[in-house]
PDB file of N, CA and C in Angstrom:
ATOM      1  N   MET A   1       0.833  -1.191   0.010  1.00  0.00           N
ATOM      2  CA  MET A   1      -0.025  -0.031  -0.015  1.00  0.00           C
ATOM      3  C   MET A   1       0.900   1.245  -0.009  1.00  0.00           C
ATOM      4  N   LYS A   2       0.538   2.204  -0.818  1.00  0.00           N
ATOM      5  CA  LYS A   2       1.323   3.445  -0.831  1.00  0.00           C
ATOM      6  C   LYS A   2       1.282   4.172   0.484  1.00  0.00           C
ATOM      7  N   VAL A   3       2.328   4.941   0.798  1.00  0.00           N
ATOM      8  CA  VAL A   3       2.476   5.590   2.093  1.00  0.00           C
ATOM      9  C   VAL A   3       1.345   6.581   2.317  1.00  0.00           C
ATOM     10  N   ASP A   4       1.001   7.403   1.304  1.00  0.00           N
ATOM     11  CA  ASP A   4      -0.059   8.410   1.467  1.00  0.00           C
ATOM     12  C   ASP A   4      -1.419   7.749   1.757  1.00  0.00           C
ATOM     13  N   ALA A   5      -1.685   6.643   1.051  1.00  0.00           N
ATOM     14  CA  ALA A   5      -2.961   5.960   1.252  1.00  0.00           C
ATOM     15  C   ALA A   5      -2.990   5.315   2.673  1.00  0.00           C
ATOM     16  N   PHE A   6      -1.864   4.719   3.072  1.00  0.00           N
ATOM     17  CA  PHE A   6      -1.836   4.140   4.406  1.00  0.00           C
ATOM     18  C   PHE A   6      -2.008   5.204   5.482  1.00  0.00           C
ATOM     19  N   ARG A   7      -1.415   6.373   5.279  1.00  0.00           N
ATOM     20  CA  ARG A   7      -1.545   7.506   6.232  1.00  0.00           C
ATOM     21  C   ARG A   7      -2.981   7.931   6.378  1.00  0.00           C
ATOM     22  N   ARG A   8      -3.700   8.009   5.210  1.00  0.00           N
ATOM     23  CA  ARG A   8      -5.095   8.486   5.254  1.00  0.00           C
ATOM     24  C   ARG A   8      -6.047   7.447   5.780  1.00  0.00           C
ATOM     25  N   LEU A   9      -5.789   6.191   5.456  1.00  0.00           N
ATOM     26  CA  LEU A   9      -6.719   5.109   5.930  1.00  0.00           C
ATOM     27  C   LEU A   9      -6.459   4.720   7.376  1.00  0.00           C
ATOM     28  N   PHE A  10      -5.213   4.735   7.799  1.00  0.00           N
ATOM     29  CA  PHE A  10      -4.884   4.271   9.159  1.00  0.00           C
ATOM     30  C   PHE A  10      -3.993   5.309   9.846  1.00  0.00           C
ATOM     31  N   PRO A  11      -4.507   6.512  10.139  1.00  0.00           N
ATOM     32  CA  PRO A  11      -3.639   7.588  10.660  1.00  0.00           C
ATOM     33  C   PRO A  11      -2.982   7.203  12.026  1.00  0.00           C
ATOM     34  N   LEU A  12      -3.716   6.505  12.881  1.00  0.00           N
ATOM     35  CA  LEU A  12      -3.148   6.137  14.187  1.00  0.00           C
ATOM     36  C   LEU A  12      -1.978   5.167  14.016  1.00  0.00           C
ATOM     37  N   ARG A  13      -2.184   4.108  13.234  1.00  0.00           N
ATOM     38  CA  ARG A  13      -1.088   3.156  12.968  1.00  0.00           C
ATOM     39  C   ARG A  13       0.037   3.802  12.321  1.00  0.00           C
ATOM     40  N   PHE A  14      -0.210   4.713  11.352  1.00  0.00           N
ATOM     41  CA  PHE A  14       0.830   5.467  10.661  1.00  0.00           C
ATOM     42  C   PHE A  14       1.719   6.188  11.601  1.00  0.00           C
ATOM     43  N   HIS A  15       1.121   6.938  12.558  1.00  0.00           N
ATOM     44  CA  HIS A  15       1.893   7.698  13.515  1.00  0.00           C
ATOM     45  C   HIS A  15       2.579   6.825  14.560  1.00  0.00           C
ATOM     46  N   GLU A  16       1.888   5.791  14.939  1.00  0.00           N
ATOM     47  CA  GLU A  16       2.477   4.857  15.912  1.00  0.00           C
ATOM     48  C   GLU A  16       3.757   4.202  15.349  1.00  0.00           C
ATOM     49  N   ARG A  17       3.686   3.858  14.092  1.00  0.00           N
ATOM     50  CA  ARG A  17       4.866   3.229  13.440  1.00  0.00           C
ATOM     51  C   ARG A  17       6.084   4.217  13.426  1.00  0.00           C
ATOM     52  N   HIS A  18       5.802   5.487  13.186  1.00  0.00           N
ATOM     53  CA  HIS A  18       6.912   6.436  13.228  1.00  0.00           C
ATOM     54  C   HIS A  18       7.470   6.576  14.661  1.00  0.00           C
ATOM     55  N   LEU A  19       6.583   6.553  15.648  1.00  0.00           N
ATOM     56  CA  LEU A  19       7.029   6.690  17.050  1.00  0.00           C
ATOM     57  C   LEU A  19       7.857   5.464  17.455  1.00  0.00           C
ATOM     58  N   LEU A  20       7.429   4.276  17.009  1.00  0.00           N
ATOM     59  CA  LEU A  20       8.193   3.070  17.318  1.00  0.00           C
ATOM     60  C   LEU A  20       9.567   3.141  16.753  1.00  0.00           C
ATOM     61  N   GLU A  21       9.696   3.714  15.612  1.00  0.00           N
ATOM     62  CA  GLU A  21      10.968   3.803  14.887  1.00  0.00           C
ATOM     63  C   GLU A  21      11.753   5.061  15.326  1.00  0.00           C
ATOM     64  N   SER A  22      11.156   5.873  16.219  1.00  0.00           N
ATOM     65  CA  SER A  22      11.768   7.094  16.696  1.00  0.00           C
ATOM     66  C   SER A  22      12.144   8.058  15.558  1.00  0.00           C
ATOM     67  N   VAL A  23      11.218   8.125  14.598  1.00  0.00           N
ATOM     68  CA  VAL A  23      11.404   8.988  13.436  1.00  0.00           C
ATOM     69  C   VAL A  23      10.152   9.864  13.196  1.00  0.00           C
ATOM     70  N   ARG A  24      10.383  11.117  12.909  1.00  0.00           N
ATOM     71  CA  ARG A  24       9.262  12.045  12.629  1.00  0.00           C
ATOM     72  C   ARG A  24       8.844  11.815  11.134  1.00  0.00           C
ATOM     73  N   LEU A  25       7.706  12.431  10.801  1.00  0.00           N
ATOM     74  CA  LEU A  25       7.180  12.270   9.432  1.00  0.00           C
ATOM     75  C   LEU A  25       8.160  12.835   8.359  1.00  0.00           C
ATOM     76  N   ASP A  26       8.965  13.870   8.790  1.00  0.00           N
ATOM     77  CA  ASP A  26       9.918  14.473   7.828  1.00  0.00           C
ATOM     78  C   ASP A  26      11.289  13.743   7.881  1.00  0.00           C
ATOM     79  N   ALA A  27      11.342  12.589   8.489  1.00  0.00           N
ATOM     80  CA  ALA A  27      12.531  11.738   8.622  1.00  0.00           C
ATOM     81  C   ALA A  27      13.565  12.218   9.639  1.00  0.00           C
ATOM     82  N   ARG A  28      13.213  13.211  10.434  1.00  0.00           N
ATOM     83  CA  ARG A  28      14.116  13.643  11.555  1.00  0.00           C
ATOM     84  C   ARG A  28      13.952  12.665  12.730  1.00  0.00           C
ATOM     85  N   LYS A  29      15.001  12.482  13.438  1.00  0.00           N
ATOM     86  CA  LYS A  29      14.946  11.715  14.701  1.00  0.00           C
ATOM     87  C   LYS A  29      14.064  12.546  15.700  1.00  0.00           C
ATOM     88  N   LEU A  30      13.421  11.833  16.656  1.00  0.00           N
ATOM     89  CA  LEU A  30      12.549  12.522  17.538  1.00  0.00           C
ATOM     90  C   LEU A  30      13.287  13.596  18.413  1.00  0.00           C
ATOM     91  N   GLY A  31      14.502  13.372  18.744  1.00  0.00           N
ATOM     92  CA  GLY A  31      15.238  14.369  19.534  1.00  0.00           C
ATOM     93  C   GLY A  31      15.918  15.478  18.770  1.00  0.00           C
ATOM     94  N   LYS A  32      15.845  15.424  17.432  1.00  0.00           N
ATOM     95  CA  LYS A  32      16.513  16.454  16.588  1.00  0.00           C
ATOM     96  C   LYS A  32      15.496  17.626  16.285  1.00  0.00           C
ATOM     97  N   ALA A  33      15.944  18.832  16.610  1.00  0.00           N
ATOM     98  CA  ALA A  33      15.154  20.033  16.332  1.00  0.00           C
ATOM     99  C   ALA A  33      15.230  20.414  14.854  1.00  0.00           C
ATOM    100  N   ARG A  34      14.241  21.155  14.395  1.00  0.00           N
ATOM    101  CA  ARG A  34      14.285  21.671  13.041  1.00  0.00           C
ATOM    102  C   ARG A  34      15.332  22.796  12.959  1.00  0.00           C
ATOM    103  N   ASP A  35      15.924  22.996  11.767  1.00  0.00           N
ATOM    104  CA  ASP A  35      16.903  24.058  11.560  1.00  0.00           C
ATOM    105  C   ASP A  35      16.229  25.422  11.864  1.00  0.00           C
ATOM    106  N   THR A  36      16.903  26.241  12.672  1.00  0.00           N
ATOM    107  CA  THR A  36      16.335  27.530  13.085  1.00  0.00           C
ATOM    108  C   THR A  36      17.356  28.635  12.880  1.00  0.00           C
ATOM    109  N   THR A  37      16.883  29.744  12.361  1.00  0.00           N
ATOM    110  CA  THR A  37      17.694  30.948  12.257  1.00  0.00           C
ATOM    111  C   THR A  37      16.886  32.144  12.752  1.00  0.00           C
ATOM    112  N   LEU A  38      17.586  33.140  13.252  1.00  0.00           N
ATOM    113  CA  LEU A  38      16.959  34.375  13.766  1.00  0.00           C
ATOM    114  C   LEU A  38      17.787  35.546  13.316  1.00  0.00           C
ATOM    115  N   ALA A  39      17.114  36.520  12.693  1.00  0.00           N
ATOM    116  CA  ALA A  39      17.828  37.732  12.242  1.00  0.00           C
ATOM    117  C   ALA A  39      17.135  38.915  12.841  1.00  0.00           C
ATOM    118  N   LEU A  40      17.903  39.676  13.667  1.00  0.00           N
ATOM    119  CA  LEU A  40      17.357  40.865  14.345  1.00  0.00           C
ATOM    120  C   LEU A  40      17.559  42.043  13.422  1.00  0.00           C
ATOM    121  N   GLY A  41      16.662  43.052  13.543  1.00  0.00           N
ATOM    122  CA  GLY A  41      16.790  44.262  12.708  1.00  0.00           C
ATOM    123  C   GLY A  41      16.445  43.992  11.231  1.00  0.00           C
ATOM    124  N   ALA A  42      15.526  43.058  10.982  1.00  0.00           N
ATOM    125  CA  ALA A  42      15.170  42.704   9.626  1.00  0.00           C
ATOM    126  C   ALA A  42      14.379  43.790   8.862  1.00  0.00           C
ATOM    127  N   VAL A  43      13.724  44.634   9.575  1.00  0.00           N
ATOM    128  CA  VAL A  43      12.928  45.741   8.962  1.00  0.00           C
ATOM    129  C   VAL A  43      13.568  47.053   9.346  1.00  0.00           C
ATOM    130  N   ALA A  44      14.213  47.701   8.396  1.00  0.00           N
ATOM    131  CA  ALA A  44      14.971  48.905   8.687  1.00  0.00           C
ATOM    132  C   ALA A  44      14.105  50.082   9.177  1.00  0.00           C
ATOM    133  N   SER A  45      12.825  50.114   8.746  1.00  0.00           N
ATOM    134  CA  SER A  45      11.969  51.251   9.099  1.00  0.00           C
ATOM    135  C   SER A  45      11.256  51.004  10.440  1.00  0.00           C
ATOM    136  N   ALA A  46      11.507  49.905  11.083  1.00  0.00           N
ATOM    137  CA  ALA A  46      10.840  49.629  12.420  1.00  0.00           C
ATOM    138  C   ALA A  46      11.798  49.979  13.547  1.00  0.00           C
ATOM    139  N   ASP A  47      11.261  50.218  14.710  1.00  0.00           N
ATOM    140  CA  ASP A  47      12.102  50.460  15.879  1.00  0.00           C
ATOM    141  C   ASP A  47      12.728  49.181  16.406  1.00  0.00           C
ATOM    142  N   GLY A  48      12.109  48.063  16.146  1.00  0.00           N
ATOM    143  CA  GLY A  48      12.620  46.747  16.500  1.00  0.00           C
ATOM    144  C   GLY A  48      11.972  45.725  15.624  1.00  0.00           C
ATOM    145  N   SER A  49      12.769  44.740  15.200  1.00  0.00           N
ATOM    146  CA  SER A  49      12.175  43.706  14.346  1.00  0.00           C
ATOM    147  C   SER A  49      13.003  42.418  14.404  1.00  0.00           C
ATOM    148  N   ALA A  50      12.398  41.343  14.036  1.00  0.00           N
ATOM    149  CA  ALA A  50      13.044  40.015  13.985  1.00  0.00           C
ATOM    150  C   ALA A  50      12.454  39.147  12.912  1.00  0.00           C
ATOM    151  N   LEU A  51      13.281  38.415  12.238  1.00  0.00           N
ATOM    152  CA  LEU A  51      12.831  37.453  11.226  1.00  0.00           C
ATOM    153  C   LEU A  51      13.315  36.100  11.704  1.00  0.00           C
ATOM    154  N   ALA A  52      12.314  35.225  12.012  1.00  0.00           N
ATOM    155  CA  ALA A  52      12.641  33.913  12.516  1.00  0.00           C
ATOM    156  C   ALA A  52      12.258  32.830  11.486  1.00  0.00           C
ATOM    157  N   LYS A  53      13.147  31.881  11.255  1.00  0.00           N
ATOM    158  CA  LYS A  53      12.864  30.820  10.318  1.00  0.00           C
ATOM    159  C   LYS A  53      13.069  29.487  11.083  1.00  0.00           C
ATOM    160  N   ILE A  54      12.034  28.706  11.082  1.00  0.00           N
ATOM    161  CA  ILE A  54      12.124  27.339  11.628  1.00  0.00           C
ATOM    162  C   ILE A  54      11.766  26.401  10.561  1.00  0.00           C
ATOM    163  N   ASP A  55      12.760  25.750   9.949  1.00  0.00           N
ATOM    164  CA  ASP A  55      12.581  24.856   8.790  1.00  0.00           C
ATOM    165  C   ASP A  55      11.927  25.641   7.706  1.00  0.00           C
ATOM    166  N   CYS A  56      10.727  25.270   7.292  1.00  0.00           N
ATOM    167  CA  CYS A  56       9.992  25.924   6.172  1.00  0.00           C
ATOM    168  C   CYS A  56       9.069  27.012   6.642  1.00  0.00           C
ATOM    169  N   THR A  57       9.025  27.318   7.932  1.00  0.00           N
ATOM    170  CA  THR A  57       8.113  28.311   8.462  1.00  0.00           C
ATOM    171  C   THR A  57       8.855  29.586   8.758  1.00  0.00           C
ATOM    172  N   THR A  58       8.364  30.719   8.242  1.00  0.00           N
ATOM    173  CA  THR A  58       9.022  32.011   8.416  1.00  0.00           C
ATOM    174  C   THR A  58       8.044  32.966   9.131  1.00  0.00           C
ATOM    175  N   THR A  59       8.569  33.644  10.122  1.00  0.00           N
ATOM    176  CA  THR A  59       7.755  34.653  10.851  1.00  0.00           C
ATOM    177  C   THR A  59       8.506  35.936  10.926  1.00  0.00           C
ATOM    178  N   LEU A  60       7.805  37.036  10.670  1.00  0.00           N
ATOM    179  CA  LEU A  60       8.391  38.372  10.758  1.00  0.00           C
ATOM    180  C   LEU A  60       7.603  39.140  11.791  1.00  0.00           C
ATOM    181  N   ALA A  61       8.312  39.773  12.719  1.00  0.00           N
ATOM    182  CA  ALA A  61       7.662  40.653  13.750  1.00  0.00           C
ATOM    183  C   ALA A  61       8.365  41.964  13.713  1.00  0.00           C
ATOM    184  N   ALA A  62       7.595  43.047  13.714  1.00  0.00           N
ATOM    185  CA  ALA A  62       8.174  44.373  13.718  1.00  0.00           C
ATOM    186  C   ALA A  62       7.403  45.265  14.686  1.00  0.00           C
ATOM    187  N   ILE A  63       8.119  46.178  15.313  1.00  0.00           N
ATOM    188  CA  ILE A  63       7.512  47.072  16.270  1.00  0.00           C
ATOM    189  C   ILE A  63       7.815  48.534  15.848  1.00  0.00           C
ATOM    190  N   LYS A  64       6.771  49.338  15.844  1.00  0.00           N
ATOM    191  CA  LYS A  64       6.933  50.799  15.605  1.00  0.00           C
ATOM    192  C   LYS A  64       6.502  51.458  16.920  1.00  0.00           C
ATOM    193  N   MET A  65       7.212  52.442  17.372  1.00  0.00           N
ATOM    194  CA  MET A  65       6.856  53.114  18.632  1.00  0.00           C
ATOM    195  C   MET A  65       6.852  54.573  18.452  1.00  0.00           C
ATOM    196  N   GLU A  66       5.890  55.256  19.105  1.00  0.00           N
ATOM    197  CA  GLU A  66       5.832  56.716  19.072  1.00  0.00           C
ATOM    198  C   GLU A  66       5.503  57.178  20.458  1.00  0.00           C
ATOM    199  N   VAL A  67       6.338  58.030  20.992  1.00  0.00           N
ATOM    200  CA  VAL A  67       6.117  58.573  22.323  1.00  0.00           C
ATOM    201  C   VAL A  67       5.314  59.858  22.142  1.00  0.00           C
ATOM    202  N   MET A  68       4.210  59.938  22.859  1.00  0.00           N
ATOM    203  CA  MET A  68       3.297  61.114  22.758  1.00  0.00           C
ATOM    204  C   MET A  68       3.368  61.880  24.052  1.00  0.00           C
ATOM    205  N   THR A  69       3.011  63.148  23.973  1.00  0.00           N
ATOM    206  CA  THR A  69       2.950  64.037  25.092  1.00  0.00           C
ATOM    207  C   THR A  69       1.604  63.836  25.780  1.00  0.00           C
ATOM    208  N   PRO A  70       1.554  63.655  27.116  1.00  0.00           N
ATOM    209  CA  PRO A  70       0.251  63.434  27.765  1.00  0.00           C
ATOM    210  C   PRO A  70      -0.603  64.757  27.687  1.00  0.00           C
ATOM    211  N   THR A  71      -1.880  64.556  27.858  1.00  0.00           N
ATOM    212  CA  THR A  71      -2.765  65.748  27.841  1.00  0.00           C
ATOM    213  C   THR A  71      -2.606  66.565  29.097  1.00  0.00           C
ATOM    214  N   ILE A  72      -3.023  67.780  29.088  1.00  0.00           N
ATOM    215  CA  ILE A  72      -2.936  68.639  30.247  1.00  0.00           C
ATOM    216  C   ILE A  72      -3.816  68.100  31.392  1.00  0.00           C
ATOM    217  N   GLU A  73      -4.959  67.537  31.023  1.00  0.00           N
ATOM    218  CA  GLU A  73      -5.898  67.037  32.028  1.00  0.00           C
ATOM    219  C   GLU A  73      -5.327  65.767  32.726  1.00  0.00           C
ATOM    220  N   SER A  74      -4.519  65.008  32.085  1.00  0.00           N
ATOM    221  CA  SER A  74      -3.989  63.790  32.622  1.00  0.00           C
ATOM    222  C   SER A  74      -2.465  63.694  32.385  1.00  0.00           C
ATOM    223  N   PRO A  75      -1.681  64.571  33.068  1.00  0.00           N
ATOM    224  CA  PRO A  75      -0.240  64.551  32.774  1.00  0.00           C
ATOM    225  C   PRO A  75       0.520  63.355  33.220  1.00  0.00           C
ATOM    226  N   ASP A  76      -0.045  62.589  34.178  1.00  0.00           N
ATOM    227  CA  ASP A  76       0.638  61.416  34.699  1.00  0.00           C
ATOM    228  C   ASP A  76       0.071  60.103  34.149  1.00  0.00           C
ATOM    229  N   GLU A  77      -0.734  60.179  33.106  1.00  0.00           N
ATOM    230  CA  GLU A  77      -1.343  58.998  32.544  1.00  0.00           C
ATOM    231  C   GLU A  77      -0.884  58.792  31.086  1.00  0.00           C
ATOM    232  N   GLY A  78      -0.896  57.566  30.658  1.00  0.00           N
ATOM    233  CA  GLY A  78      -0.535  57.241  29.299  1.00  0.00           C
ATOM    234  C   GLY A  78      -1.199  55.913  28.950  1.00  0.00           C
ATOM    235  N   CYS A  79      -0.912  55.447  27.740  1.00  0.00           N
ATOM    236  CA  CYS A  79      -1.483  54.194  27.312  1.00  0.00           C
ATOM    237  C   CYS A  79      -0.574  53.562  26.261  1.00  0.00           C
ATOM    238  N   ILE A  80      -0.777  52.339  26.119  1.00  0.00           N
ATOM    239  CA  ILE A  80      -0.074  51.564  25.064  1.00  0.00           C
ATOM    240  C   ILE A  80      -1.127  51.029  24.129  1.00  0.00           C
ATOM    241  N   VAL A  81      -0.981  51.277  22.864  1.00  0.00           N
ATOM    242  CA  VAL A  81      -1.934  50.833  21.838  1.00  0.00           C
ATOM    243  C   VAL A  81      -1.190  49.743  21.026  1.00  0.00           C
ATOM    244  N   ILE A  82      -1.805  48.566  20.892  1.00  0.00           N
ATOM    245  CA  ILE A  82      -1.187  47.498  20.115  1.00  0.00           C
ATOM    246  C   ILE A  82      -2.098  47.281  18.918  1.00  0.00           C
ATOM    247  N   ASP A  83      -1.464  47.246  17.749  1.00  0.00           N
ATOM    248  CA  ASP A  83      -2.185  46.981  16.492  1.00  0.00           C
ATOM    249  C   ASP A  83      -1.559  45.732  15.885  1.00  0.00           C
ATOM    250  N   PHE A  84      -2.355  44.731  15.657  1.00  0.00           N
ATOM    251  CA  PHE A  84      -1.849  43.437  15.157  1.00  0.00           C
ATOM    252  C   PHE A  84      -2.359  43.253  13.727  1.00  0.00           C
ATOM    253  N   HIS A  85      -1.421  42.934  12.820  1.00  0.00           N
ATOM    254  CA  HIS A  85      -1.805  42.677  11.448  1.00  0.00           C
ATOM    255  C   HIS A  85      -1.359  41.285  11.047  1.00  0.00           C
ATOM    256  N   MET A  86      -2.246  40.561  10.376  1.00  0.00           N
ATOM    257  CA  MET A  86      -1.956  39.234   9.897  1.00  0.00           C
ATOM    258  C   MET A  86      -2.488  39.105   8.455  1.00  0.00           C
ATOM    259  N   PRO A  87      -1.574  39.046   7.467  1.00  0.00           N
ATOM    260  CA  PRO A  87      -2.050  38.993   6.098  1.00  0.00           C
ATOM    261  C   PRO A  87      -2.710  37.624   5.800  1.00  0.00           C
ATOM    262  N   PRO A  88      -3.613  37.592   4.793  1.00  0.00           N
ATOM    263  CA  PRO A  88      -4.313  36.359   4.435  1.00  0.00           C
ATOM    264  C   PRO A  88      -3.446  35.196   4.131  1.00  0.00           C
ATOM    265  N   ILE A  89      -2.212  35.395   3.674  1.00  0.00           N
ATOM    266  CA  ILE A  89      -1.348  34.255   3.341  1.00  0.00           C
ATOM    267  C   ILE A  89      -0.916  33.464   4.587  1.00  0.00           C
ATOM    268  N   CYS A  90      -1.076  34.075   5.800  1.00  0.00           N
ATOM    269  CA  CYS A  90      -0.642  33.454   7.031  1.00  0.00           C
ATOM    270  C   CYS A  90      -1.508  32.284   7.465  1.00  0.00           C
ATOM    271  N   SER A  91      -2.775  32.319   7.150  1.00  0.00           N
ATOM    272  CA  SER A  91      -3.696  31.316   7.658  1.00  0.00           C
ATOM    273  C   SER A  91      -4.955  31.217   6.779  1.00  0.00           C
ATOM    274  N   PRO A  92      -5.533  30.037   6.652  1.00  0.00           N
ATOM    275  CA  PRO A  92      -6.739  29.925   5.894  1.00  0.00           C
ATOM    276  C   PRO A  92      -7.984  30.571   6.531  1.00  0.00           C
ATOM    277  N   ILE A  93      -7.877  30.890   7.797  1.00  0.00           N
ATOM    278  CA  ILE A  93      -9.016  31.563   8.478  1.00  0.00           C
ATOM    279  C   ILE A  93      -9.006  33.087   8.282  1.00  0.00           C
ATOM    280  N   VAL A  94      -7.926  33.613   7.750  1.00  0.00           N
ATOM    281  CA  VAL A  94      -7.809  35.090   7.546  1.00  0.00           C
ATOM    282  C   VAL A  94      -8.276  35.413   6.105  1.00  0.00           C
ATOM    283  N   ARG A  95      -9.169  36.417   6.033  1.00  0.00           N
ATOM    284  CA  ARG A  95      -9.727  36.853   4.735  1.00  0.00           C
ATOM    285  C   ARG A  95      -9.294  38.231   4.450  1.00  0.00           C
ATOM    286  N   PRO A  96      -9.038  38.590   3.216  1.00  0.00           N
ATOM    287  CA  PRO A  96      -8.622  39.982   2.871  1.00  0.00           C
ATOM    288  C   PRO A  96      -9.688  40.998   3.288  1.00  0.00           C
ATOM    289  N   GLY A  97      -9.270  42.132   3.834  1.00  0.00           N
ATOM    290  CA  GLY A  97     -10.170  43.225   4.136  1.00  0.00           C
ATOM    291  C   GLY A  97     -10.873  43.072   5.471  1.00  0.00           C
ATOM    292  N   ARG A  98     -10.740  41.987   6.140  1.00  0.00           N
ATOM    293  CA  ARG A  98     -11.426  41.757   7.405  1.00  0.00           C
ATOM    294  C   ARG A  98     -10.400  41.447   8.475  1.00  0.00           C
ATOM    295  N   PRO A  99     -10.483  42.135   9.657  1.00  0.00           N
ATOM    296  CA  PRO A  99      -9.561  41.796  10.699  1.00  0.00           C
ATOM    297  C   PRO A  99      -9.764  40.352  11.195  1.00  0.00           C
ATOM    298  N   VAL A 100      -8.694  39.749  11.641  1.00  0.00           N
ATOM    299  CA  VAL A 100      -8.731  38.398  12.191  1.00  0.00           C
ATOM    300  C   VAL A 100      -9.540  38.476  13.516  1.00  0.00           C
ATOM    301  N   ASP A 101     -10.389  37.461  13.768  1.00  0.00           N
ATOM    302  CA  ASP A 101     -11.172  37.432  15.019  1.00  0.00           C
ATOM    303  C   ASP A 101     -10.298  37.433  16.211  1.00  0.00           C
ATOM    304  N   ALA A 102      -9.075  36.906  16.076  1.00  0.00           N
ATOM    305  CA  ALA A 102      -8.155  36.821  17.211  1.00  0.00           C
ATOM    306  C   ALA A 102      -7.438  38.094  17.446  1.00  0.00           C
ATOM    307  N   THR A 103      -7.598  39.112  16.655  1.00  0.00           N
ATOM    308  CA  THR A 103      -6.826  40.389  16.762  1.00  0.00           C
ATOM    309  C   THR A 103      -7.012  41.058  18.119  1.00  0.00           C
ATOM    310  N   PRO A 104      -8.265  41.211  18.629  1.00  0.00           N
ATOM    311  CA  PRO A 104      -8.418  41.840  19.937  1.00  0.00           C
ATOM    312  C   PRO A 104      -7.787  41.008  21.082  1.00  0.00           C
ATOM    313  N   VAL A 105      -7.855  39.658  20.946  1.00  0.00           N
ATOM    314  CA  VAL A 105      -7.248  38.808  22.002  1.00  0.00           C
ATOM    315  C   VAL A 105      -5.743  38.931  21.949  1.00  0.00           C
ATOM    316  N   ILE A 106      -5.154  38.908  20.779  1.00  0.00           N
ATOM    317  CA  ILE A 106      -3.718  39.004  20.644  1.00  0.00           C
ATOM    318  C   ILE A 106      -3.237  40.387  21.099  1.00  0.00           C
ATOM    319  N   SER A 107      -4.023  41.404  20.803  1.00  0.00           N
ATOM    320  CA  SER A 107      -3.650  42.775  21.198  1.00  0.00           C
ATOM    321  C   SER A 107      -3.653  42.916  22.731  1.00  0.00           C
ATOM    322  N   LYS A 108      -4.598  42.267  23.398  1.00  0.00           N
ATOM    323  CA  LYS A 108      -4.646  42.345  24.876  1.00  0.00           C
ATOM    324  C   LYS A 108      -3.477  41.552  25.488  1.00  0.00           C
TER     325      LYS A 108
END
């Protein structure tokens, strides 16, 4: 039986067999981590940024910061505003033009 068909028909046995042989689906040993790289300062126009690559997965995070003058009514108060953007290519649940449902949760 072909590997893909066996995986679809018997997913539990398929994964158990890999565990018994101490091999992951991508042929890595169970104790071996995926190749990882991290580049700081990846976005020149941001105040802080990082580009992380873990095997075939790439993540970019950038921070822009602006210090504002407090109002006269509240000179000792301030706030932090977080704006989270996730383009549609990141996930099948993200649609163009619509904020991700998780945006308020991630922002908090």
